[in-house]
Amino acid sequence: MHFKLESANDLVDELKLKIHPLTLGKGKKFFDNGMIPAAFTLLENIVTSTGVIIASYKRTGDVKTGKVGA
């Protein structure tokens, strides 16, 4: 991924991710310390013939917490 998350300033409105079905081991953390919790809703997704998932998410506001099954 080649983008910078401005999490400390709460500037993320939309996420566009390409998720590849492989693991490489150690690397940079996607969400670093200081990340402000935010909720996102899936807008659209595509799965390629090689299994890559391309997903777009839109910011929907604050994170709502609760209990599973409640």
Protein backbone atom coordinates (compact mmCIF):
# COMPACT_ATOMS: atom_id res chain seq x y z
CA MET A 1 0.00 0.00 0.00
CA HIS A 2 1.27 3.42 -0.88
CA PHE A 3 -0.67 5.93 1.16
CA LYS A 4 -0.32 7.76 4.43
CA LEU A 5 -3.01 7.54 7.08
CA GLU A 6 -3.40 10.88 8.82
CA SER A 7 -4.86 9.16 11.86
CA ALA A 8 -3.51 11.52 14.51
CA ASN A 9 -5.42 14.38 12.85
CA ASP A 10 -8.54 12.29 12.09
CA LEU A 11 -8.34 12.97 8.32
CA VAL A 12 -9.35 9.55 6.90
CA ASP A 13 -12.66 9.74 5.01
CA GLU A 14 -12.30 6.75 2.71
CA LEU A 15 -10.15 3.63 2.41
CA LYS A 16 -9.31 1.86 -0.85
CA LEU A 17 -7.55 -1.44 -0.21
CA LYS A 18 -5.99 -4.13 -2.38
CA ILE A 19 -5.73 -7.28 -0.31
CA HIS A 20 -3.40 -9.94 -1.73
CA PRO A 21 -3.76 -13.56 -0.54
CA LEU A 22 -0.22 -14.04 0.77
CA THR A 23 1.85 -13.38 3.84
CA LEU A 24 5.37 -12.01 3.76
CA GLY A 25 6.33 -12.01 7.43
CA LYS A 26 7.48 -8.89 9.23
CA GLY A 27 6.81 -5.42 7.89
CA LYS A 28 5.36 -2.02 8.66
CA LYS A 29 2.28 -1.84 10.83
CA PHE A 30 -0.77 -0.70 8.91
CA PHE A 31 -2.28 1.11 11.90
CA ASP A 32 0.40 2.74 14.02
CA ASN A 33 0.10 4.11 17.56
CA GLY A 34 -2.19 7.10 17.85
CA MET A 35 -4.86 5.78 15.50
CA ILE A 36 -8.24 7.35 16.20
CA PRO A 37 -11.02 4.71 16.20
CA ALA A 38 -13.42 5.16 13.27
CA ALA A 39 -16.20 3.09 11.69
CA PHE A 40 -16.27 2.37 7.95
CA THR A 41 -18.91 0.86 5.66
CA LEU A 42 -18.09 -1.21 2.60
CA LEU A 43 -19.08 0.66 -0.58
CA GLU A 44 -17.97 -1.86 -3.17
CA ASN A 45 -15.67 -4.81 -3.61
CA ILE A 46 -14.22 -6.84 -6.45
CA VAL A 47 -12.44 -10.19 -6.29
CA THR A 48 -10.02 -10.76 -9.17
CA SER A 49 -9.35 -14.12 -10.81
CA THR A 50 -6.11 -14.37 -8.80
CA GLY A 51 -7.92 -13.84 -5.48
CA VAL A 52 -6.97 -10.19 -4.91
CA ILE A 53 -9.75 -8.31 -3.12
CA ILE A 54 -10.20 -4.65 -4.08
CA ALA A 55 -12.42 -2.93 -1.53
CA SER A 56 -13.62 0.65 -1.01
CA TYR A 57 -14.83 1.80 2.40
CA LYS A 58 -16.46 5.10 3.41
CA ARG A 59 -16.20 6.66 6.87
CA THR A 60 -19.48 6.36 8.78
CA GLY A 61 -18.55 7.99 12.07
CA ASP A 62 -17.57 6.89 15.53
CA VAL A 63 -17.09 3.29 16.53
CA LYS A 64 -20.12 1.79 18.27
CA THR A 65 -19.27 -0.85 20.84
CA GLY A 66 -21.45 -3.39 22.55
CA LYS A 67 -21.75 -7.08 23.30
CA VAL A 68 -22.09 -9.84 20.75
CA GLY A 69 -25.58 -11.31 20.85
CA ALA A 70 -26.99 -8.48 22.96
